[in-house]
C-alpha cells in the first residue's frame, strides 16, 4: 500500500539576480550573447553543492518535521557565490566553508559556476531550464567595478541601479523575478525597501520538463495515500509501466524517471520500505550514500504509481546559514564585504530569502526557485540628512551530465499547500 507523506523538496535552482545598470556602471546593458556550453565542470563545485544541499536540507527538515519543504540548493549556492565576490578575510572563508567550497580559490569557484551555468542551459528540446542572475543596487551608492565585473562575466548577471525609495522599486525587481520564473514566483522583495539596504543579489531557476514517457491520464486513479500521523486521504495517483532505471535496498526502493528526448535530466524517487519512514531514510541520506545509490540503478521492467502534487515554499535562510558556519556574514560589526565597496560604513547580509514552486502531473514537471541576498549598511544613512537608528517520499531532479541536483525533496502530503 502506498504511504502518504508531506512533500519535502530540495531543489538546486540557479537564479542569480543582477542590476540592470548597477552603481558604478553607466548606460543600458548590451544585448546578451550567451557563451557556448563548457565541456566540463569542476567536480569540486558539484561535490560541494551536493554536500551543502544535504546540510541545508537536513537542517530545514529538522526544523519542520513532517511538513512539505522545497528548496533549491543550487539557487542558494549561486546567490551566495556572487556575494562571496564582495567578501574578504574571515567572512569570505566562512562563506566558502559553509558552501563546502573550501580548497577552491575565488577564480576557480567563479570559473566553475560559469561552466555549470553554460552546461545547464537548454539540456533538451523538451526541457526548458532557465538560469538567470541579477544585481540590483541603490542609486547613488557606488560599488567596486571588479566586484560587478566578476558577477557580470562569470555569473552572466544583469546589473541595474534603482531608486530604492521609489514605490516602484520593489515592483521592478519582482517583475524581473516573475519574468524569469514564468510567473510561478510573483514576489521576492516586499515594499517598502529598508532605507539602509543598498544591494540585492538574486538567484533563480525555472524548470519545465515533459516526461520521456508521459502518464496516461485515463490510468490515473484516486487511491489512499498514508500520512505520517497514521491517517490516509485519497489522492490522484498516476500510473505507467515499462523499463526503468530502478534500485531496491532493504530500507527503500527507488526509480529514475527521465525527462525529454535525451533523458539527461530525470527525477529520482525514493520510497522508504513499509516498516521504515522518511526520518529513517534521512539518517542514511548523505553525499557518500547518494553517490553509491545513484551509481547502482539498473534497468528493470515494472510499474510506477506517482501522486500528482503541486505546492510552493518560502523560507528565510538566515538562521540555517548561521548554523552552517556563516554567522560572521550576518554580523553588523564583524562582516567584511570590503570587496563590494569601501568601508566604513560596514555592509552585512540582512536576509537570505528563498522561494520555490513545483507541480508534478501526467505531462511532466514545472519548478521554479528564487534566492535573494539583501545587503544592508550598518550605520551610515543611504540618503542625505536621513539618519535612521535601527538595530513522505524523497525525490531529486538531477542533471545527469554533471551530477548537479536541481531539486531534492520528500512528499509527506501531496495535498498540502
Protein backbone atom coordinates (compact mmCIF):
# COMPACT_ATOMS: atom_id res chain seq x y z
CA UNK A 1 0.00 0.00 0.00
CA UNK A 2 1.37 3.44 -0.93
CA UNK A 3 2.22 5.68 2.01
CA UNK A 4 1.04 9.31 2.19
CA UNK A 5 3.70 11.76 3.14
CA UNK A 6 4.10 15.50 3.05
CA UNK A 7 6.47 16.83 0.48
CA UNK A 8 9.98 17.94 1.31
CA UNK A 9 11.65 19.10 -1.83
CA UNK A 10 15.12 20.32 -2.14
CA UNK A 11 15.90 21.94 -5.41
CA UNK A 12 19.07 23.03 -6.98
CA UNK A 13 17.87 26.16 -8.68
CA UNK A 14 20.29 28.57 -10.18
CA UNK A 15 18.77 32.06 -10.46
CA UNK A 16 21.10 34.93 -9.74
CA UNK A 17 19.97 38.50 -9.79
CA UNK A 18 21.77 41.35 -11.42
CA UNK A 19 21.41 45.08 -11.66
CA UNK A 20 20.23 46.50 -14.96
CA UNK A 21 22.65 49.48 -14.81
CA UNK A 22 24.29 48.98 -11.50
CA UNK A 23 26.11 51.54 -9.49
CA UNK A 24 29.46 52.04 -10.99
CA UNK A 25 28.06 51.20 -14.43
CA UNK A 26 26.55 53.58 -16.88
CA UNK A 27 24.05 53.13 -19.67
CA UNK A 28 21.93 50.18 -20.69
CA UNK A 29 23.22 46.64 -20.84
CA UNK A 30 24.08 45.48 -24.36
CA UNK A 31 22.05 42.62 -25.80
CA UNK A 32 23.35 39.50 -24.09
CA UNK A 33 25.18 36.85 -26.09
CA UNK A 34 25.39 33.57 -24.18
CA UNK A 35 28.58 31.54 -24.14
CA UNK A 36 28.78 28.11 -25.70
CA UNK A 37 28.34 25.23 -23.22
CA UNK A 38 31.56 24.26 -21.45
CA UNK A 39 32.80 20.70 -21.97
CA UNK A 40 33.12 20.02 -18.23
CA UNK A 41 32.54 21.47 -14.77
CA UNK A 42 34.97 21.31 -11.86
CA UNK A 43 33.90 18.27 -9.83
CA UNK A 44 34.77 20.11 -6.62
CA UNK A 45 31.89 22.51 -7.28
CA UNK A 46 29.39 19.71 -7.95
CA UNK A 47 30.53 17.81 -4.85
CA UNK A 48 30.47 20.96 -2.74
CA UNK A 49 26.98 21.90 -3.92
CA UNK A 50 25.79 18.38 -3.08
CA UNK A 51 27.25 18.48 0.44
CA UNK A 52 25.89 21.98 1.06
CA UNK A 53 22.49 20.96 -0.25
CA UNK A 54 22.24 17.96 2.07
CA UNK A 55 23.42 20.08 5.03
CA UNK A 56 20.75 22.69 4.35
CA UNK A 57 18.06 20.12 3.63
CA UNK A 58 18.67 18.21 6.87
CA UNK A 59 18.61 21.42 8.92
CA UNK A 60 15.35 22.67 7.41
CA UNK A 61 13.71 19.24 7.58
CA UNK A 62 14.67 19.05 11.25
CA UNK A 63 13.07 22.43 11.93
CA UNK A 64 9.71 21.36 10.43
CA UNK A 65 9.40 17.55 10.58
CA UNK A 66 6.53 16.09 8.60
CA UNK A 67 5.88 19.29 6.65
CA UNK A 68 6.23 19.99 2.96
CA UNK A 69 9.57 21.58 2.14
CA UNK A 70 11.07 22.69 -1.17
CA UNK A 71 14.48 24.27 -1.63
CA UNK A 72 16.96 24.78 -4.42
CA UNK A 73 20.49 24.32 -3.11
CA UNK A 74 21.88 25.38 -6.47
CA UNK A 75 19.99 28.64 -6.36
CA UNK A 76 21.12 29.37 -2.82
CA UNK A 77 24.75 28.49 -3.54
CA UNK A 78 24.83 30.60 -6.72
CA UNK A 79 23.40 33.68 -4.99
CA UNK A 80 25.86 33.30 -2.11
CA UNK A 81 28.75 32.70 -4.52
CA UNK A 82 28.01 36.02 -6.20
CA UNK A 83 28.04 37.60 -2.74
CA UNK A 84 31.39 35.99 -1.90
CA UNK A 85 32.90 38.02 -4.75
CA UNK A 86 32.48 41.07 -2.48
CA UNK A 87 33.58 39.38 0.74
CA UNK A 88 37.05 39.40 2.29
CA UNK A 89 39.02 37.81 5.13
CA UNK A 90 37.17 35.69 7.68
CA UNK A 91 33.81 36.46 6.06
CA UNK A 92 34.91 35.04 2.70
CA UNK A 93 36.47 31.97 4.34
CA UNK A 94 33.35 31.27 6.43
CA UNK A 95 31.05 31.54 3.41
CA UNK A 96 33.26 29.28 1.29
CA UNK A 97 33.32 26.69 4.08
CA UNK A 98 29.54 26.85 4.56
CA UNK A 99 29.13 26.23 0.82
CA UNK A 100 31.61 23.32 1.14
CA UNK A 101 33.92 25.00 -1.40
CA UNK A 102 36.97 25.36 0.84
CA UNK A 103 40.07 24.50 -1.11
CA UNK A 104 38.88 26.37 -4.22
CA UNK A 105 40.23 29.82 -4.99
CA UNK A 106 37.80 32.61 -5.86
CA UNK A 107 38.87 32.42 -9.50
CA UNK A 108 38.36 28.64 -9.58
CA UNK A 109 34.92 28.94 -7.99
CA UNK A 110 33.83 31.65 -10.41
CA UNK A 111 35.00 29.71 -13.47
CA UNK A 112 33.32 26.54 -12.21
CA UNK A 113 29.98 28.32 -11.73
CA UNK A 114 30.29 29.86 -15.18
CA UNK A 115 30.92 26.45 -16.74
CA UNK A 116 27.97 24.96 -14.85
CA UNK A 117 25.60 27.73 -15.96
CA UNK A 118 26.53 27.24 -19.63
CA UNK A 119 26.12 23.45 -19.40
CA UNK A 120 22.73 23.58 -17.65
CA UNK A 121 21.19 25.87 -20.24
CA UNK A 122 18.92 24.12 -22.80
CA UNK A 123 19.61 20.46 -21.92
CA UNK A 124 16.90 19.01 -24.21
CA UNK A 125 14.35 20.11 -26.85
CA UNK A 126 11.52 19.11 -24.47
CA UNK A 127 13.12 20.56 -21.33
CA UNK A 128 13.25 24.27 -20.51
CA UNK A 129 15.89 25.20 -17.95
CA UNK A 130 16.30 28.95 -17.41
CA UNK A 131 19.26 30.22 -15.38
CA UNK A 132 19.22 33.96 -14.64
CA UNK A 133 21.30 36.23 -12.38
CA UNK A 134 20.98 39.87 -11.43
CA UNK A 135 22.24 42.57 -9.07
CA UNK A 136 20.02 45.48 -8.03
CA UNK A 137 21.84 48.46 -6.48
CA UNK A 138 20.58 51.57 -4.72
CA UNK A 139 21.02 54.63 -6.94
CA UNK A 140 23.92 56.79 -5.88
CA UNK A 141 25.74 54.07 -3.92
CA UNK A 142 28.98 53.14 -5.75
CA UNK A 143 30.25 49.55 -5.85
CA UNK A 144 33.71 48.39 -6.85
CA UNK A 145 33.94 47.74 -10.56
CA UNK A 146 35.87 44.47 -10.22
CA UNK A 147 33.10 43.07 -7.96
CA UNK A 148 30.46 43.99 -10.53
CA UNK A 149 32.58 42.78 -13.44
CA UNK A 150 33.18 39.33 -11.95
CA UNK A 151 29.45 38.84 -11.43
CA UNK A 152 28.82 40.06 -14.95
CA UNK A 153 31.50 37.85 -16.52
CA UNK A 154 31.17 34.59 -14.57
CA UNK A 155 27.52 34.59 -13.45
CA UNK A 156 26.15 36.40 -16.51
CA UNK A 157 24.40 38.73 -14.06
CA UNK A 158 22.37 41.66 -15.27
CA UNK A 159 23.19 44.91 -13.45
CA UNK A 160 20.59 47.52 -12.52
CA UNK A 161 20.51 50.71 -10.49
CA UNK A 162 17.24 51.76 -8.85
CA UNK A 163 15.92 54.48 -6.57
CA UNK A 164 15.01 52.19 -3.66
CA UNK A 165 12.94 54.99 -2.10
CA UNK A 166 10.56 54.97 -5.05
CA UNK A 167 7.36 52.95 -4.57
CA UNK A 168 8.00 51.17 -7.88
CA UNK A 169 11.47 49.85 -6.91
CA UNK A 170 10.24 46.59 -5.41
CA UNK A 171 7.85 46.17 -8.36
CA UNK A 172 10.75 46.40 -10.81
CA UNK A 173 12.72 43.66 -9.03
CA UNK A 174 9.66 41.46 -8.59
CA UNK A 175 8.75 41.95 -12.25
CA UNK A 176 12.13 40.53 -13.22
CA UNK A 177 11.53 37.57 -10.91
CA UNK A 178 8.10 36.90 -12.42
CA UNK A 179 9.55 37.04 -15.92
CA UNK A 180 12.39 34.61 -15.17
CA UNK A 181 10.11 32.13 -13.36
CA UNK A 182 7.31 32.37 -15.92
CA UNK A 183 5.00 33.83 -13.29
CA UNK A 184 5.39 30.95 -10.84
CA UNK A 185 7.07 33.16 -8.22
CA UNK A 186 5.49 36.60 -8.05
CA UNK A 187 7.49 38.37 -5.35
CA UNK A 188 10.83 38.21 -3.54
CA UNK A 189 11.13 41.81 -2.26
CA UNK A 190 8.40 43.34 -0.10
CA UNK A 191 7.97 47.13 -0.18
CA UNK A 192 8.98 49.44 1.30
CA UNK A 193 12.67 48.64 0.97
CA UNK A 194 14.75 49.22 4.12
CA UNK A 195 16.41 52.67 3.84
CA UNK A 196 19.76 51.07 4.74
CA UNK A 197 19.55 48.31 2.11
CA UNK A 198 21.92 49.04 -0.76
CA UNK A 199 22.05 45.86 -2.83
CA UNK A 200 20.05 42.74 -3.75
CA UNK A 201 21.80 39.75 -5.33
CA UNK A 202 19.18 37.38 -6.72
CA UNK A 203 19.48 33.81 -7.99
CA UNK A 204 16.61 31.93 -9.65
CA UNK A 205 15.89 28.98 -11.88
CA UNK A 206 12.93 27.84 -13.93
CA UNK A 207 12.48 24.22 -15.00
CA UNK A 208 9.80 22.75 -17.23
CA UNK A 209 10.28 19.21 -18.49
CA UNK A 210 7.91 16.72 -20.08
CA UNK A 211 8.35 13.09 -19.14
CA UNK A 212 10.12 10.99 -21.73
CA UNK A 213 7.11 8.68 -21.41
CA UNK A 214 4.08 10.66 -20.27
CA UNK A 215 1.50 9.20 -17.91
CA UNK A 216 -1.84 8.26 -19.48
CA UNK A 217 -4.48 10.37 -17.72
CA UNK A 218 -7.03 7.58 -18.19
CA UNK A 219 -4.96 5.41 -15.83
CA UNK A 220 -4.89 7.99 -13.02
CA UNK A 221 -6.95 6.78 -10.05
CA UNK A 222 -7.96 8.09 -6.63
CA UNK A 223 -6.21 5.90 -4.07
CA UNK A 224 -5.35 6.18 -0.36
CA UNK A 225 -2.08 7.94 0.49
CA UNK A 226 -0.94 7.22 4.06
CA UNK A 227 0.06 10.24 6.12
CA UNK A 228 2.70 10.36 8.89
CA UNK A 229 0.02 10.56 11.60
CA UNK A 230 -1.43 7.18 10.60
CA UNK A 231 -4.45 8.57 8.75
CA UNK A 232 -4.94 8.45 4.98
CA UNK A 233 -6.51 10.54 2.25
CA UNK A 234 -7.48 9.75 -1.32
CA UNK A 235 -5.32 11.45 -3.93
CA UNK A 236 -4.94 11.06 -7.72
CA UNK A 237 -2.17 8.51 -8.37
CA UNK A 238 -0.68 8.43 -11.90
CA UNK A 239 0.37 5.06 -13.36
CA UNK A 240 2.63 3.81 -16.12
CA UNK A 241 4.67 0.69 -16.80
CA UNK A 242 7.79 -0.11 -18.80
CA UNK A 243 11.55 -0.39 -18.42
CA UNK A 244 13.11 1.96 -15.85
CA UNK A 245 16.35 2.53 -14.00
CA UNK A 246 15.48 1.03 -10.62
CA UNK A 247 17.14 0.29 -7.28
CA UNK A 248 15.94 -1.96 -4.45
CA UNK A 249 17.54 -1.82 -0.99
CA UNK A 250 16.42 -3.25 2.35
CA UNK A 251 15.16 0.12 3.58
CA UNK A 252 13.80 1.65 0.35
CA UNK A 253 13.13 1.26 -3.35
CA UNK A 254 13.91 3.95 -5.92
CA UNK A 255 13.26 4.77 -9.56
CA UNK A 256 14.59 7.30 -12.08
CA UNK A 257 12.01 8.91 -14.38
CA UNK A 258 13.66 10.77 -17.30
CA UNK A 259 12.55 13.98 -19.00
CA UNK A 260 12.63 14.87 -22.68
CA UNK A 261 14.19 13.15 -25.68
CA UNK A 262 17.67 12.73 -24.25
CA UNK A 263 16.88 11.80 -20.64
CA UNK A 264 19.75 13.99 -19.42
CA UNK A 265 17.58 15.32 -16.61
CA UNK A 266 15.49 12.94 -14.52
CA UNK A 267 13.53 12.74 -11.29
CA UNK A 268 14.78 10.23 -8.72
CA UNK A 269 12.06 8.94 -6.38
CA UNK A 270 12.99 7.22 -3.11
CA UNK A 271 10.20 5.38 -1.26
CA UNK A 272 11.06 4.10 2.24
CA UNK A 273 10.08 0.49 2.98
CA UNK A 274 6.71 -0.10 4.74
CA UNK A 275 8.48 -0.79 8.04
CA UNK A 276 10.65 2.33 7.70
CA UNK A 277 9.98 6.09 7.40
CA UNK A 278 11.32 9.30 5.92
CA UNK A 279 13.07 10.01 9.23
CA UNK A 280 14.84 6.67 8.92
CA UNK A 281 15.73 7.36 5.31
CA UNK A 282 17.19 10.75 6.25
CA UNK A 283 19.61 9.10 8.67
CA UNK A 284 21.27 7.42 5.69
CA UNK A 285 20.94 10.39 3.33
CA UNK A 286 24.44 11.79 2.85
CA UNK A 287 26.73 12.56 -0.09
CA UNK A 288 28.57 9.23 0.11
CA UNK A 289 25.38 7.14 0.08
CA UNK A 290 23.86 9.40 -2.57
CA UNK A 291 26.81 8.75 -4.90
CA UNK A 292 26.59 5.00 -4.22
CA UNK A 293 22.83 4.85 -4.75
CA UNK A 294 22.69 6.89 -7.95
CA UNK A 295 25.51 4.75 -9.37
CA UNK A 296 23.71 1.49 -8.56
CA UNK A 297 20.49 1.83 -10.59
CA UNK A 298 19.91 -0.82 -13.26
CA UNK A 299 17.25 -1.37 -15.94
CA UNK A 300 14.19 -3.30 -14.69
CA UNK A 301 10.70 -3.88 -16.01
CA UNK A 302 7.94 -2.66 -13.72
CA UNK A 303 5.12 -0.25 -12.88
CA UNK A 304 5.23 3.11 -11.13
CA UNK A 305 2.38 4.87 -9.35
CA UNK A 306 3.13 8.51 -8.51
CA UNK A 307 0.80 11.06 -6.88
CA UNK A 308 0.13 14.34 -8.61
CA UNK A 309 1.24 17.24 -6.45
CA UNK A 310 1.68 21.00 -6.51
CA UNK A 311 2.86 23.41 -3.82
CA UNK A 312 5.01 26.46 -3.02
CA UNK A 313 7.51 27.06 -0.23
CA UNK A 314 9.04 30.18 1.32
CA UNK A 315 11.76 30.49 3.96
CA UNK A 316 14.27 32.94 5.38
CA UNK A 317 17.56 31.04 5.48
CA UNK A 318 19.36 33.32 7.94
CA UNK A 319 19.33 31.01 10.96
CA UNK A 320 20.10 27.89 8.94
CA UNK A 321 23.07 29.53 7.21
CA UNK A 322 24.37 30.87 10.52
CA UNK A 323 24.21 27.35 11.93
CA UNK A 324 26.18 26.07 8.92
CA UNK A 325 29.06 28.44 9.75
CA UNK A 326 28.19 31.73 8.02
CA UNK A 327 27.28 33.69 11.16
CA UNK A 328 30.01 36.30 10.62
CA UNK A 329 28.43 37.37 7.31
CA UNK A 330 25.26 38.40 9.18
CA UNK A 331 27.15 40.21 11.97
CA UNK A 332 26.83 44.00 11.62
CA UNK A 333 30.11 44.59 13.41
CA UNK A 334 32.23 41.72 12.08
CA UNK A 335 31.10 41.13 8.48
CA UNK A 336 33.73 42.11 5.91
CA UNK A 337 32.35 42.93 2.48
CA UNK A 338 35.08 45.43 1.65
CA UNK A 339 35.34 43.81 -1.78
CA UNK A 340 31.98 45.37 -2.69
CA UNK A 341 32.57 48.98 -1.61
CA UNK A 342 34.85 50.99 0.68
CA UNK A 343 34.28 50.76 4.43
CA UNK A 344 33.13 52.28 6.71
CA UNK A 345 30.20 52.01 6.78
CA UNK A 346 30.17 48.22 7.04
CA UNK A 347 27.99 46.04 4.87
CA UNK A 348 26.38 42.84 6.15
CA UNK A 349 23.83 40.29 4.92
CA UNK A 350 20.49 41.25 6.45
CA UNK A 351 18.47 38.43 4.86
CA UNK A 352 18.76 35.46 2.54
CA UNK A 353 15.24 34.74 1.31
CA UNK A 354 14.29 31.62 -0.64
CA UNK A 355 11.05 30.88 -2.51
CA UNK A 356 10.21 27.82 -4.59
CA UNK A 357 7.37 26.21 -6.56
CA UNK A 358 6.77 22.76 -8.06
CA UNK A 359 3.97 20.98 -9.93
CA UNK A 360 4.14 17.32 -10.99
CA UNK A 361 1.43 15.85 -13.23
CA UNK A 362 0.89 13.40 -16.08
CA UNK A 363 2.69 15.60 -18.62
CA UNK A 364 5.83 16.41 -16.64
CA UNK A 365 7.24 18.75 -14.02
CA UNK A 366 7.34 22.54 -13.68
CA UNK A 367 9.51 24.03 -10.95
CA UNK A 368 10.98 27.41 -10.05
CA UNK A 369 13.15 28.92 -7.32
CA UNK A 370 14.44 32.35 -6.36
CA UNK A 371 17.10 33.24 -3.80
CA UNK A 372 17.65 36.84 -2.73
CA UNK A 373 20.66 38.08 -0.72
CA UNK A 374 19.95 41.51 0.80
CA UNK A 375 22.98 43.65 1.68
CA UNK A 376 22.48 46.39 4.28
CA UNK A 377 24.61 49.21 5.72
CA UNK A 378 25.30 49.13 9.45
CA UNK A 379 25.21 52.78 10.40
CA UNK A 380 25.61 55.39 7.67
CA UNK A 381 22.30 56.56 6.20
CA UNK A 382 21.85 55.99 2.50
CA UNK A 383 20.05 59.27 1.81
CA UNK A 384 21.37 62.72 2.73
CA UNK A 385 20.05 64.01 6.10
CA UNK A 386 18.05 60.82 6.62
CA UNK A 387 19.70 59.20 9.62
CA UNK A 388 17.98 56.06 10.91
CA UNK A 389 18.96 54.31 14.15
CA UNK A 390 17.62 50.72 13.89
CA UNK A 391 19.30 47.55 15.06
CA UNK A 392 6.97 11.04 2.84
CA UNK A 393 8.87 10.09 -0.25
CA UNK A 394 12.11 11.58 -1.21
CA UNK A 395 12.97 12.80 -4.67
CA UNK A 396 15.50 14.83 -6.58
CA UNK A 397 15.68 16.25 -10.10
CA UNK A 398 19.24 15.73 -11.34
CA UNK A 399 21.24 16.86 -14.35
CA UNK A 400 22.85 13.53 -15.17
CA UNK A 401 25.63 15.02 -17.27
CA UNK A 402 27.16 16.99 -14.40
CA UNK A 403 25.62 15.23 -11.41
CA UNK A 404 24.09 18.52 -10.28
CA UNK A 405 20.99 18.11 -8.10
CA UNK A 406 18.44 20.59 -9.42
CA UNK A 407 15.72 19.76 -6.89
CA UNK A 408 15.53 17.45 -3.89
CA UNK A 409 12.53 16.63 -1.79
CA UNK A 410 10.25 14.29 0.05
CA UNK A 411 6.48 14.07 -0.08
CA UNK A 412 4.55 13.60 3.10
CA UNK A 413 1.22 15.02 1.94
CA UNK A 414 0.64 15.74 -1.77
CA UNK A 415 -2.48 17.72 -0.91
CA UNK A 416 -0.76 20.14 1.44
CA UNK A 417 -0.21 23.60 0.04
